[in-house]
Amino acid sequence: MSVDKDTVRRIAKLARIALPEERVEPMVRELNGIFDWVQQLNEVDVAGVAPMTSVVEQRLKMRDDVVTDGGNAEAVVANAPLTEDRFFLVPKVVE
């Protein structure tokens, strides 16, 4: 795939980028260079290669799923400025 000056102007217009006329020709060369590089990547044989989410293999640290003492509502609302029946009270913002 290659682009020409008209295509670069159209891309700039669609992207709402102000592209001066003296930058059109260098942009044609840059975009064509990028497309050539992508075409080289398409030629690489990746059969049997597992997809990756990172270039470095990582494993997330797992923790045991255990029940804690989170049911202590009095301790949770102890520092709240306003509470009622172990719930936070907040100013009404919607009429």
N, C-alpha and C. Protein backbone atom coordinates (compact mmCIF):
# COMPACT_ATOMS: atom_id res chain seq x y z
N MET A 1 0.85 -1.18 0.00
CA MET A 1 0.00 0.00 0.00
C MET A 1 0.89 1.23 0.00
N SER A 2 0.50 2.22 -0.75
CA SER A 2 1.24 3.48 -0.74
C SER A 2 0.24 4.63 -0.81
N VAL A 3 0.68 5.77 -0.35
CA VAL A 3 -0.17 6.95 -0.37
C VAL A 3 0.47 8.01 -1.25
N ASP A 4 -0.38 8.89 -1.76
CA ASP A 4 0.10 9.99 -2.58
C ASP A 4 -0.24 11.31 -1.87
N LYS A 5 0.06 12.41 -2.52
CA LYS A 5 -0.17 13.72 -1.90
C LYS A 5 -1.65 13.97 -1.61
N ASP A 6 -2.52 13.57 -2.53
CA ASP A 6 -3.96 13.78 -2.32
C ASP A 6 -4.45 12.98 -1.12
N THR A 7 -3.94 11.77 -0.97
CA THR A 7 -4.35 10.94 0.17
C THR A 7 -3.88 11.56 1.47
N VAL A 8 -2.66 12.09 1.51
CA VAL A 8 -2.15 12.74 2.71
C VAL A 8 -2.99 13.96 3.05
N ARG A 9 -3.34 14.75 2.06
CA ARG A 9 -4.18 15.93 2.30
C ARG A 9 -5.54 15.51 2.86
N ARG A 10 -6.11 14.43 2.31
CA ARG A 10 -7.41 13.94 2.77
C ARG A 10 -7.32 13.43 4.21
N ILE A 11 -6.26 12.69 4.54
CA ILE A 11 -6.07 12.20 5.90
C ILE A 11 -5.94 13.37 6.87
N ALA A 12 -5.17 14.38 6.48
CA ALA A 12 -5.00 15.56 7.34
C ALA A 12 -6.33 16.27 7.55
N LYS A 13 -7.12 16.36 6.50
CA LYS A 13 -8.42 17.02 6.63
C LYS A 13 -9.34 16.21 7.54
N LEU A 14 -9.38 14.89 7.37
CA LEU A 14 -10.23 14.05 8.21
C LEU A 14 -9.80 14.08 9.67
N ALA A 15 -8.49 14.19 9.89
CA ALA A 15 -7.95 14.24 11.25
C ALA A 15 -7.97 15.66 11.81
N ARG A 16 -8.42 16.60 10.99
CA ARG A 16 -8.46 18.01 11.36
C ARG A 16 -7.07 18.52 11.79
N ILE A 17 -6.08 18.17 10.98
CA ILE A 17 -4.71 18.60 11.21
C ILE A 17 -4.34 19.61 10.14
N ALA A 18 -3.84 20.76 10.57
CA ALA A 18 -3.37 21.76 9.62
C ALA A 18 -2.02 21.30 9.09
N LEU A 19 -1.97 20.96 7.82
CA LEU A 19 -0.75 20.45 7.21
C LEU A 19 -0.33 21.42 6.10
N PRO A 20 0.73 22.20 6.35
CA PRO A 20 1.19 23.13 5.31
C PRO A 20 1.64 22.37 4.07
N GLU A 21 1.55 22.99 2.95
CA GLU A 21 1.88 22.35 1.67
C GLU A 21 3.32 21.85 1.63
N GLU A 22 4.25 22.55 2.28
CA GLU A 22 5.64 22.10 2.26
C GLU A 22 5.86 20.83 3.10
N ARG A 23 4.90 20.45 3.93
CA ARG A 23 5.01 19.23 4.73
C ARG A 23 4.33 18.04 4.08
N VAL A 24 3.60 18.26 2.97
CA VAL A 24 2.86 17.17 2.33
C VAL A 24 3.81 16.12 1.77
N GLU A 25 4.81 16.53 1.00
CA GLU A 25 5.73 15.56 0.39
C GLU A 25 6.53 14.78 1.45
N PRO A 26 7.10 15.44 2.48
CA PRO A 26 7.77 14.64 3.53
C PRO A 26 6.82 13.67 4.24
N MET A 27 5.56 14.07 4.40
CA MET A 27 4.59 13.19 5.05
C MET A 27 4.28 11.99 4.18
N VAL A 28 4.26 12.18 2.85
CA VAL A 28 4.06 11.06 1.93
C VAL A 28 5.17 10.03 2.13
N ARG A 29 6.41 10.51 2.19
CA ARG A 29 7.56 9.60 2.39
C ARG A 29 7.48 8.90 3.74
N GLU A 30 7.13 9.64 4.79
CA GLU A 30 7.05 9.05 6.12
C GLU A 30 5.97 7.97 6.18
N LEU A 31 4.77 8.27 5.67
CA LEU A 31 3.68 7.29 5.71
C LEU A 31 4.01 6.07 4.86
N ASN A 32 4.61 6.27 3.69
CA ASN A 32 4.98 5.12 2.86
C ASN A 32 6.05 4.27 3.56
N GLY A 33 6.97 4.90 4.28
CA GLY A 33 7.96 4.15 5.05
C GLY A 33 7.32 3.32 6.14
N ILE A 34 6.33 3.90 6.80
CA ILE A 34 5.60 3.16 7.85
C ILE A 34 4.86 1.98 7.24
N PHE A 35 4.19 2.21 6.11
CA PHE A 35 3.44 1.12 5.48
C PHE A 35 4.38 0.01 4.99
N ASP A 36 5.56 0.38 4.51
CA ASP A 36 6.54 -0.63 4.10
C ASP A 36 6.98 -1.47 5.29
N TRP A 37 7.19 -0.83 6.43
CA TRP A 37 7.59 -1.55 7.64
C TRP A 37 6.48 -2.50 8.10
N VAL A 38 5.23 -2.04 8.06
CA VAL A 38 4.10 -2.90 8.42
C VAL A 38 4.00 -4.07 7.47
N GLN A 39 4.26 -3.85 6.20
CA GLN A 39 4.23 -4.94 5.23
C GLN A 39 5.30 -5.98 5.56
N GLN A 40 6.47 -5.54 6.01
CA GLN A 40 7.51 -6.47 6.43
C GLN A 40 7.04 -7.30 7.63
N LEU A 41 6.31 -6.68 8.55
CA LEU A 41 5.79 -7.42 9.70
C LEU A 41 4.78 -8.47 9.26
N ASN A 42 4.02 -8.18 8.22
CA ASN A 42 3.04 -9.16 7.72
C ASN A 42 3.71 -10.40 7.16
N GLU A 43 4.98 -10.30 6.78
CA GLU A 43 5.69 -11.43 6.20
C GLU A 43 6.28 -12.37 7.26
N VAL A 44 6.26 -11.96 8.53
CA VAL A 44 6.83 -12.77 9.60
C VAL A 44 5.90 -13.95 9.89
N ASP A 45 6.48 -15.15 10.00
CA ASP A 45 5.70 -16.35 10.31
C ASP A 45 5.48 -16.40 11.82
N VAL A 46 4.23 -16.25 12.24
CA VAL A 46 3.90 -16.28 13.66
C VAL A 46 3.08 -17.51 14.03
N ALA A 47 3.09 -18.52 13.17
CA ALA A 47 2.35 -19.74 13.47
C ALA A 47 2.94 -20.39 14.71
N GLY A 48 2.09 -20.73 15.63
CA GLY A 48 2.53 -21.39 16.85
C GLY A 48 3.02 -20.46 17.93
N VAL A 49 2.96 -19.15 17.71
CA VAL A 49 3.38 -18.19 18.71
C VAL A 49 2.15 -17.72 19.48
N ALA A 50 2.18 -17.88 20.79
CA ALA A 50 1.03 -17.49 21.61
C ALA A 50 0.91 -15.97 21.67
N PRO A 51 -0.33 -15.45 21.63
CA PRO A 51 -0.52 -14.01 21.76
C PRO A 51 -0.02 -13.52 23.12
N MET A 52 0.50 -12.29 23.13
CA MET A 52 1.03 -11.72 24.37
C MET A 52 0.33 -10.40 24.67
N THR A 53 0.25 -10.08 25.95
CA THR A 53 -0.26 -8.77 26.35
C THR A 53 0.87 -7.86 26.77
N SER A 54 2.08 -8.42 26.90
CA SER A 54 3.25 -7.65 27.30
C SER A 54 4.48 -8.34 26.71
N VAL A 55 5.54 -7.58 26.52
CA VAL A 55 6.75 -8.18 25.99
C VAL A 55 7.49 -8.97 27.06
N VAL A 56 7.13 -8.74 28.32
CA VAL A 56 7.71 -9.47 29.43
C VAL A 56 6.60 -10.29 30.08
N GLU A 57 6.82 -11.59 30.22
CA GLU A 57 5.79 -12.42 30.82
C GLU A 57 5.61 -12.04 32.29
N GLN A 58 4.37 -11.79 32.66
CA GLN A 58 4.08 -11.39 34.03
C GLN A 58 2.95 -12.24 34.58
N ARG A 59 2.99 -12.49 35.84
CA ARG A 59 1.91 -13.18 36.53
C ARG A 59 1.45 -12.27 37.67
N LEU A 60 0.14 -12.10 37.77
CA LEU A 60 -0.39 -11.29 38.84
C LEU A 60 -0.31 -12.05 40.15
N LYS A 61 0.00 -11.32 41.20
CA LYS A 61 0.02 -11.95 42.51
C LYS A 61 -1.41 -12.23 42.93
N MET A 62 -1.64 -13.43 43.39
CA MET A 62 -2.98 -13.82 43.82
C MET A 62 -3.00 -13.86 45.34
N ARG A 63 -4.14 -13.57 45.91
CA ARG A 63 -4.29 -13.68 47.36
C ARG A 63 -5.47 -14.61 47.63
N ASP A 64 -5.46 -15.18 48.82
CA ASP A 64 -6.56 -16.05 49.20
C ASP A 64 -7.82 -15.22 49.39
N ASP A 65 -8.93 -15.77 48.98
CA ASP A 65 -10.22 -15.12 49.13
C ASP A 65 -10.80 -15.56 50.46
N VAL A 66 -10.57 -14.77 51.48
CA VAL A 66 -11.02 -15.13 52.82
C VAL A 66 -11.95 -14.06 53.36
N VAL A 67 -12.84 -14.48 54.24
CA VAL A 67 -13.77 -13.57 54.89
C VAL A 67 -13.03 -12.84 56.01
N THR A 68 -13.20 -11.52 56.08
CA THR A 68 -12.57 -10.73 57.13
C THR A 68 -13.64 -10.12 58.02
N ASP A 69 -13.21 -9.28 58.94
CA ASP A 69 -14.18 -8.66 59.86
C ASP A 69 -14.78 -7.39 59.26
N GLY A 70 -15.12 -7.40 58.01
CA GLY A 70 -15.66 -6.22 57.35
C GLY A 70 -17.08 -5.90 57.74
N GLY A 71 -17.70 -6.71 58.54
CA GLY A 71 -19.10 -6.47 58.92
C GLY A 71 -19.26 -5.55 60.11
N ASN A 72 -18.25 -4.78 60.48
CA ASN A 72 -18.32 -3.92 61.64
C ASN A 72 -18.73 -2.52 61.19
N ALA A 73 -20.02 -2.29 61.04
CA ALA A 73 -20.54 -1.03 60.50
C ALA A 73 -20.25 0.14 61.43
N GLU A 74 -20.28 -0.06 62.72
CA GLU A 74 -20.00 1.04 63.64
C GLU A 74 -18.59 1.59 63.45
N ALA A 75 -17.64 0.72 63.25
CA ALA A 75 -16.26 1.17 63.05
C ALA A 75 -16.11 1.89 61.70
N VAL A 76 -16.87 1.46 60.69
CA VAL A 76 -16.78 2.07 59.37
C VAL A 76 -17.29 3.51 59.40
N VAL A 77 -18.40 3.76 60.09
CA VAL A 77 -19.00 5.10 60.10
C VAL A 77 -18.55 5.92 61.31
N ALA A 78 -17.60 5.44 62.08
CA ALA A 78 -17.19 6.13 63.30
C ALA A 78 -16.69 7.55 63.04
N ASN A 79 -15.98 7.79 61.95
CA ASN A 79 -15.43 9.12 61.68
C ASN A 79 -16.28 9.95 60.73
N ALA A 80 -17.43 9.45 60.33
CA ALA A 80 -18.29 10.19 59.40
C ALA A 80 -18.95 11.35 60.13
N PRO A 81 -19.06 12.51 59.46
CA PRO A 81 -19.68 13.66 60.13
C PRO A 81 -21.16 13.45 60.43
N LEU A 82 -21.88 12.80 59.52
CA LEU A 82 -23.31 12.55 59.73
C LEU A 82 -23.64 11.10 59.38
N THR A 83 -24.33 10.42 60.29
CA THR A 83 -24.77 9.05 60.03
C THR A 83 -26.17 8.86 60.57
N GLU A 84 -26.82 7.83 60.06
CA GLU A 84 -28.14 7.44 60.57
C GLU A 84 -28.31 5.96 60.33
N ASP A 85 -28.58 5.21 61.38
CA ASP A 85 -28.76 3.75 61.32
C ASP A 85 -27.58 3.08 60.62
N ARG A 86 -26.36 3.49 60.97
CA ARG A 86 -25.12 2.93 60.44
C ARG A 86 -24.95 3.17 58.92
N PHE A 87 -25.56 4.24 58.40
CA PHE A 87 -25.40 4.66 57.00
C PHE A 87 -24.83 6.07 56.98
N PHE A 88 -24.08 6.40 55.94
CA PHE A 88 -23.58 7.76 55.76
C PHE A 88 -24.72 8.66 55.34
N LEU A 89 -24.76 9.87 55.86
CA LEU A 89 -25.72 10.87 55.41
C LEU A 89 -24.97 11.89 54.57
N VAL A 90 -25.53 12.21 53.40
CA VAL A 90 -24.91 13.19 52.51
C VAL A 90 -25.95 14.21 52.12
N PRO A 91 -25.51 15.41 51.74
CA PRO A 91 -26.48 16.44 51.34
C PRO A 91 -27.25 15.99 50.08
N LYS A 92 -28.51 16.38 50.04
CA LYS A 92 -29.33 16.06 48.88
C LYS A 92 -28.90 16.97 47.73
N VAL A 93 -28.61 16.37 46.55
CA VAL A 93 -28.17 17.15 45.40
C VAL A 93 -29.16 17.10 44.25
N VAL A 94 -30.13 16.20 44.31
CA VAL A 94 -31.14 16.09 43.25
C VAL A 94 -32.51 16.34 43.87
N GLU A 95 -33.24 17.24 43.27
CA GLU A 95 -34.59 17.55 43.77
C GLU A 95 -35.61 16.59 43.19
